N, C-alpha and C. Protein backbone atom coordinates (compact mmCIF):
# COMPACT_ATOMS: atom_id res chain seq x y z
N ALA A 1 -42.31 -18.26 -24.60
CA ALA A 1 -43.19 -17.16 -24.25
C ALA A 1 -44.25 -16.96 -25.32
N TRP A 2 -43.83 -17.01 -26.59
CA TRP A 2 -44.78 -16.79 -27.68
C TRP A 2 -45.86 -17.87 -27.70
N SER A 3 -45.47 -19.11 -27.55
CA SER A 3 -46.45 -20.21 -27.57
C SER A 3 -47.46 -20.05 -26.45
N MET A 4 -46.98 -19.71 -25.26
CA MET A 4 -47.88 -19.52 -24.13
C MET A 4 -48.79 -18.31 -24.36
N TRP A 5 -48.25 -17.28 -24.97
CA TRP A 5 -49.05 -16.09 -25.28
C TRP A 5 -50.19 -16.48 -26.23
N CYS A 6 -49.87 -17.26 -27.25
CA CYS A 6 -50.87 -17.68 -28.23
C CYS A 6 -51.95 -18.55 -27.60
N GLU A 7 -51.57 -19.31 -26.61
CA GLU A 7 -52.52 -20.18 -25.92
C GLU A 7 -53.28 -19.43 -24.82
N GLU A 8 -53.06 -18.11 -24.76
CA GLU A 8 -53.65 -17.27 -23.71
C GLU A 8 -53.30 -17.80 -22.33
N ASN A 9 -52.06 -18.28 -22.21
CA ASN A 9 -51.57 -18.84 -20.96
C ASN A 9 -50.27 -18.13 -20.56
N GLY A 10 -50.30 -16.82 -20.60
CA GLY A 10 -49.12 -16.05 -20.21
C GLY A 10 -48.68 -16.33 -18.79
N GLU A 11 -49.63 -16.68 -17.93
CA GLU A 11 -49.28 -17.01 -16.55
C GLU A 11 -48.36 -18.22 -16.46
N GLY A 12 -48.43 -19.09 -17.45
CA GLY A 12 -47.55 -20.25 -17.46
C GLY A 12 -46.09 -19.89 -17.63
N PHE A 13 -45.83 -18.68 -18.09
CA PHE A 13 -44.47 -18.20 -18.30
C PHE A 13 -43.90 -17.53 -17.04
N ILE A 14 -44.78 -17.23 -16.10
CA ILE A 14 -44.36 -16.52 -14.90
C ILE A 14 -43.67 -17.49 -13.94
N ASP A 15 -42.52 -17.06 -13.43
CA ASP A 15 -41.78 -17.85 -12.45
C ASP A 15 -42.68 -18.12 -11.24
N PRO A 16 -42.68 -19.36 -10.74
CA PRO A 16 -43.53 -19.69 -9.59
C PRO A 16 -43.31 -18.80 -8.37
N VAL A 17 -42.08 -18.35 -8.15
CA VAL A 17 -41.81 -17.45 -7.02
C VAL A 17 -42.56 -16.14 -7.20
N LEU A 18 -42.56 -15.62 -8.43
CA LEU A 18 -43.29 -14.38 -8.69
C LEU A 18 -44.80 -14.58 -8.54
N LYS A 19 -45.28 -15.75 -8.94
CA LYS A 19 -46.71 -16.03 -8.78
C LYS A 19 -47.11 -15.97 -7.32
N ARG A 20 -46.25 -16.47 -6.44
CA ARG A 20 -46.56 -16.50 -5.01
C ARG A 20 -46.39 -15.13 -4.36
N THR A 21 -45.45 -14.34 -4.85
CA THR A 21 -45.12 -13.09 -4.16
C THR A 21 -45.69 -11.85 -4.83
N SER A 22 -46.05 -11.93 -6.08
CA SER A 22 -46.54 -10.75 -6.78
C SER A 22 -48.00 -10.49 -6.47
N SER A 23 -48.32 -9.24 -6.31
CA SER A 23 -49.71 -8.88 -6.05
C SER A 23 -50.47 -8.64 -7.35
N SER A 24 -49.75 -8.63 -8.48
CA SER A 24 -50.42 -8.31 -9.73
C SER A 24 -49.93 -9.17 -10.90
N LYS A 25 -50.59 -10.29 -11.11
CA LYS A 25 -50.26 -11.12 -12.27
C LYS A 25 -50.59 -10.37 -13.55
N THR A 26 -51.60 -9.52 -13.51
CA THR A 26 -51.98 -8.73 -14.67
C THR A 26 -50.82 -7.84 -15.11
N GLU A 27 -50.11 -7.27 -14.15
CA GLU A 27 -48.97 -6.41 -14.46
C GLU A 27 -47.84 -7.22 -15.10
N ILE A 28 -47.63 -8.43 -14.63
CA ILE A 28 -46.59 -9.28 -15.22
C ILE A 28 -46.96 -9.65 -16.65
N ILE A 29 -48.23 -9.98 -16.89
CA ILE A 29 -48.69 -10.29 -18.25
C ILE A 29 -48.53 -9.07 -19.14
N ARG A 30 -48.79 -7.89 -18.59
CA ARG A 30 -48.62 -6.65 -19.36
C ARG A 30 -47.15 -6.48 -19.76
N CYS A 31 -46.24 -6.76 -18.84
CA CYS A 31 -44.81 -6.67 -19.15
C CYS A 31 -44.43 -7.68 -20.24
N MET A 32 -45.04 -8.85 -20.19
CA MET A 32 -44.80 -9.86 -21.23
C MET A 32 -45.27 -9.33 -22.59
N ASN A 33 -46.44 -8.71 -22.62
CA ASN A 33 -46.96 -8.12 -23.84
C ASN A 33 -45.99 -7.08 -24.38
N ILE A 34 -45.50 -6.19 -23.51
CA ILE A 34 -44.56 -5.15 -23.92
C ILE A 34 -43.27 -5.78 -24.43
N GLY A 35 -42.78 -6.80 -23.74
CA GLY A 35 -41.57 -7.48 -24.19
C GLY A 35 -41.72 -8.09 -25.57
N LEU A 36 -42.88 -8.70 -25.83
CA LEU A 36 -43.12 -9.28 -27.16
C LEU A 36 -43.23 -8.19 -28.22
N LEU A 37 -43.75 -7.03 -27.86
CA LEU A 37 -43.80 -5.92 -28.82
C LEU A 37 -42.38 -5.46 -29.17
N CYS A 38 -41.49 -5.55 -28.22
CA CYS A 38 -40.11 -5.07 -28.42
C CYS A 38 -39.26 -6.00 -29.29
N ILE A 39 -39.74 -7.21 -29.56
CA ILE A 39 -38.95 -8.14 -30.37
C ILE A 39 -39.63 -8.48 -31.69
N GLN A 40 -40.47 -7.57 -32.17
CA GLN A 40 -41.13 -7.78 -33.45
C GLN A 40 -40.08 -7.85 -34.56
N GLU A 41 -40.36 -8.67 -35.58
CA GLU A 41 -39.41 -8.83 -36.67
C GLU A 41 -39.15 -7.50 -37.38
N ASP A 42 -40.22 -6.78 -37.68
CA ASP A 42 -40.09 -5.51 -38.38
C ASP A 42 -39.77 -4.42 -37.36
N ALA A 43 -38.60 -3.82 -37.51
CA ALA A 43 -38.18 -2.79 -36.55
C ALA A 43 -39.18 -1.65 -36.46
N ALA A 44 -39.87 -1.34 -37.54
CA ALA A 44 -40.86 -0.27 -37.53
C ALA A 44 -42.06 -0.62 -36.66
N SER A 45 -42.28 -1.90 -36.40
CA SER A 45 -43.40 -2.35 -35.56
C SER A 45 -43.05 -2.33 -34.08
N ARG A 46 -41.77 -2.18 -33.76
CA ARG A 46 -41.34 -2.16 -32.36
C ARG A 46 -41.57 -0.77 -31.77
N PRO A 47 -41.98 -0.71 -30.50
CA PRO A 47 -42.17 0.61 -29.89
C PRO A 47 -40.83 1.28 -29.59
N ALA A 48 -40.83 2.59 -29.66
CA ALA A 48 -39.65 3.37 -29.25
C ALA A 48 -39.49 3.25 -27.74
N MET A 49 -38.29 3.47 -27.24
CA MET A 49 -38.06 3.35 -25.80
C MET A 49 -38.93 4.31 -25.01
N SER A 50 -39.16 5.50 -25.54
CA SER A 50 -40.03 6.44 -24.84
C SER A 50 -41.45 5.88 -24.73
N THR A 51 -41.89 5.16 -25.76
CA THR A 51 -43.21 4.54 -25.73
C THR A 51 -43.24 3.38 -24.74
N VAL A 52 -42.15 2.61 -24.68
CA VAL A 52 -42.06 1.51 -23.71
C VAL A 52 -42.17 2.05 -22.29
N VAL A 53 -41.47 3.14 -22.02
CA VAL A 53 -41.53 3.76 -20.69
C VAL A 53 -42.96 4.20 -20.39
N LEU A 54 -43.63 4.79 -21.36
CA LEU A 54 -45.02 5.20 -21.20
C LEU A 54 -45.92 3.99 -20.94
N MET A 55 -45.72 2.92 -21.70
CA MET A 55 -46.52 1.69 -21.52
C MET A 55 -46.33 1.11 -20.13
N LEU A 56 -45.09 1.11 -19.65
CA LEU A 56 -44.80 0.55 -18.34
C LEU A 56 -45.36 1.41 -17.21
N GLY A 57 -45.44 2.70 -17.42
CA GLY A 57 -45.87 3.61 -16.38
C GLY A 57 -47.35 3.94 -16.38
N ASN A 58 -48.07 3.50 -17.40
CA ASN A 58 -49.48 3.86 -17.52
C ASN A 58 -50.31 2.62 -17.80
N ASN A 59 -50.85 2.01 -16.74
CA ASN A 59 -51.61 0.77 -16.90
C ASN A 59 -52.95 0.96 -17.60
N SER A 60 -53.41 2.19 -17.71
CA SER A 60 -54.68 2.41 -18.38
C SER A 60 -54.51 2.53 -19.90
N LEU A 61 -53.27 2.58 -20.36
CA LEU A 61 -52.99 2.67 -21.79
C LEU A 61 -53.21 1.30 -22.43
N ASP A 62 -54.03 1.24 -23.47
CA ASP A 62 -54.26 -0.01 -24.19
C ASP A 62 -53.02 -0.36 -25.00
N LEU A 63 -52.63 -1.62 -24.93
CA LEU A 63 -51.45 -2.09 -25.66
C LEU A 63 -51.87 -2.78 -26.95
N PRO A 64 -51.11 -2.58 -28.02
CA PRO A 64 -51.38 -3.35 -29.23
C PRO A 64 -50.98 -4.80 -29.01
N LEU A 65 -51.59 -5.69 -29.76
CA LEU A 65 -51.22 -7.10 -29.67
C LEU A 65 -49.96 -7.34 -30.47
N PRO A 66 -49.03 -8.10 -29.93
CA PRO A 66 -47.80 -8.40 -30.67
C PRO A 66 -48.06 -9.39 -31.80
N LYS A 67 -47.21 -9.31 -32.79
CA LYS A 67 -47.21 -10.31 -33.86
C LYS A 67 -46.10 -11.30 -33.51
N GLN A 68 -46.12 -12.43 -34.18
CA GLN A 68 -45.10 -13.45 -33.88
C GLN A 68 -43.71 -12.90 -34.14
N PRO A 69 -42.79 -13.12 -33.20
CA PRO A 69 -41.40 -12.71 -33.41
C PRO A 69 -40.79 -13.42 -34.61
N ALA A 70 -39.69 -12.88 -35.09
CA ALA A 70 -39.03 -13.43 -36.27
C ALA A 70 -38.69 -14.91 -36.10
N PHE A 71 -38.18 -15.27 -34.95
CA PHE A 71 -37.82 -16.66 -34.69
C PHE A 71 -38.34 -17.06 -33.33
N VAL A 72 -38.82 -18.27 -33.24
CA VAL A 72 -39.34 -18.81 -32.00
C VAL A 72 -38.55 -20.07 -31.69
N GLN A 73 -37.96 -20.12 -30.50
CA GLN A 73 -37.18 -21.28 -30.09
C GLN A 73 -38.14 -22.33 -29.56
N GLY A 74 -38.09 -23.53 -30.11
CA GLY A 74 -38.95 -24.59 -29.63
C GLY A 74 -38.30 -25.94 -29.80
N ASN A 75 -38.21 -26.71 -28.74
CA ASN A 75 -37.64 -28.07 -28.77
C ASN A 75 -36.25 -28.10 -29.37
N GLY A 76 -35.43 -27.10 -29.09
CA GLY A 76 -34.06 -27.10 -29.56
C GLY A 76 -33.89 -26.68 -31.01
N ALA A 77 -34.96 -26.40 -31.70
CA ALA A 77 -34.87 -25.98 -33.10
C ALA A 77 -35.43 -24.58 -33.23
N VAL A 78 -34.94 -23.87 -34.22
CA VAL A 78 -35.45 -22.53 -34.48
C VAL A 78 -36.53 -22.64 -35.53
N GLU A 79 -37.69 -22.10 -35.21
CA GLU A 79 -38.82 -22.16 -36.12
C GLU A 79 -39.02 -20.79 -36.77
N SER A 80 -39.38 -20.77 -38.02
CA SER A 80 -39.58 -19.50 -38.71
C SER A 80 -40.94 -18.92 -38.36
N CYS A 81 -41.18 -17.72 -38.83
CA CYS A 81 -42.44 -17.02 -38.57
C CYS A 81 -43.64 -17.82 -39.04
N GLN A 82 -43.49 -18.57 -40.08
CA GLN A 82 -44.62 -19.27 -40.67
C GLN A 82 -45.02 -20.52 -39.89
N THR A 83 -44.17 -21.00 -39.00
CA THR A 83 -44.43 -22.27 -38.33
C THR A 83 -45.55 -22.19 -37.31
N LEU A 84 -45.55 -21.13 -36.50
CA LEU A 84 -46.56 -20.99 -35.47
C LEU A 84 -47.50 -19.85 -35.82
N SER A 85 -48.75 -20.03 -35.53
CA SER A 85 -49.69 -18.92 -35.69
C SER A 85 -50.36 -18.68 -34.36
N CYS A 86 -50.90 -17.51 -34.21
CA CYS A 86 -51.50 -17.14 -32.95
C CYS A 86 -52.86 -16.52 -33.19
N GLY A 87 -53.85 -17.03 -32.52
CA GLY A 87 -55.20 -16.52 -32.69
C GLY A 87 -55.64 -15.62 -31.55
N VAL A 88 -54.70 -15.05 -30.81
CA VAL A 88 -55.06 -14.18 -29.70
C VAL A 88 -55.72 -12.93 -30.23
N GLU A 89 -56.90 -12.65 -29.71
CA GLU A 89 -57.61 -11.45 -30.16
C GLU A 89 -57.68 -10.40 -29.06
N SER A 90 -57.20 -10.74 -27.88
CA SER A 90 -57.25 -9.80 -26.78
C SER A 90 -56.02 -10.00 -25.91
N ALA A 91 -55.50 -8.91 -25.39
CA ALA A 91 -54.32 -9.00 -24.53
C ALA A 91 -54.72 -9.23 -23.08
N THR A 92 -55.97 -9.45 -22.81
CA THR A 92 -56.45 -9.71 -21.46
C THR A 92 -56.66 -11.21 -21.29
N PHE A 93 -55.94 -11.79 -20.37
CA PHE A 93 -56.04 -13.22 -20.13
C PHE A 93 -56.79 -13.48 -18.84
N ASN A 94 -57.43 -14.61 -18.79
CA ASN A 94 -58.13 -15.04 -17.60
C ASN A 94 -57.10 -15.44 -16.56
N SER A 95 -57.07 -14.76 -15.43
CA SER A 95 -56.07 -15.05 -14.41
C SER A 95 -56.43 -16.25 -13.56
N ALA A 96 -57.53 -16.91 -13.86
CA ALA A 96 -57.95 -18.07 -13.08
C ALA A 96 -57.36 -19.37 -13.60
N ARG A 97 -56.52 -19.34 -14.59
CA ARG A 97 -55.92 -20.55 -15.15
C ARG A 97 -54.96 -21.17 -14.19
C-alpha cells in the first residue's frame, strides 16, 4: 500500500471487484490515506479514533499526508523506514490511471 501511495497509484491497491462496483474511487483512496495515517510509527502522529470517525464522515475535511510507516513489507523482507522514500505532495490522485 505504501509503495503504491508513493507512486500516486492508490487505485492499484483497490480490489478489482471494488473498482467495478464502487461509485467512488476517491472515497476508497481517502480511506487508504486514513489507514496510512493510523499506522504512523510515532503514536503521537496517529489520529485519535474520534478524529478518524470525523475524517471518515466528512469528505470536505482536508487530510494530512501520511509519513512512511515504521515497517514496509516488500518481497518477503521487512524494510526499515529509511529504505523507501515518498515524494507525494498531494493526497489527490488522478483517477484516470
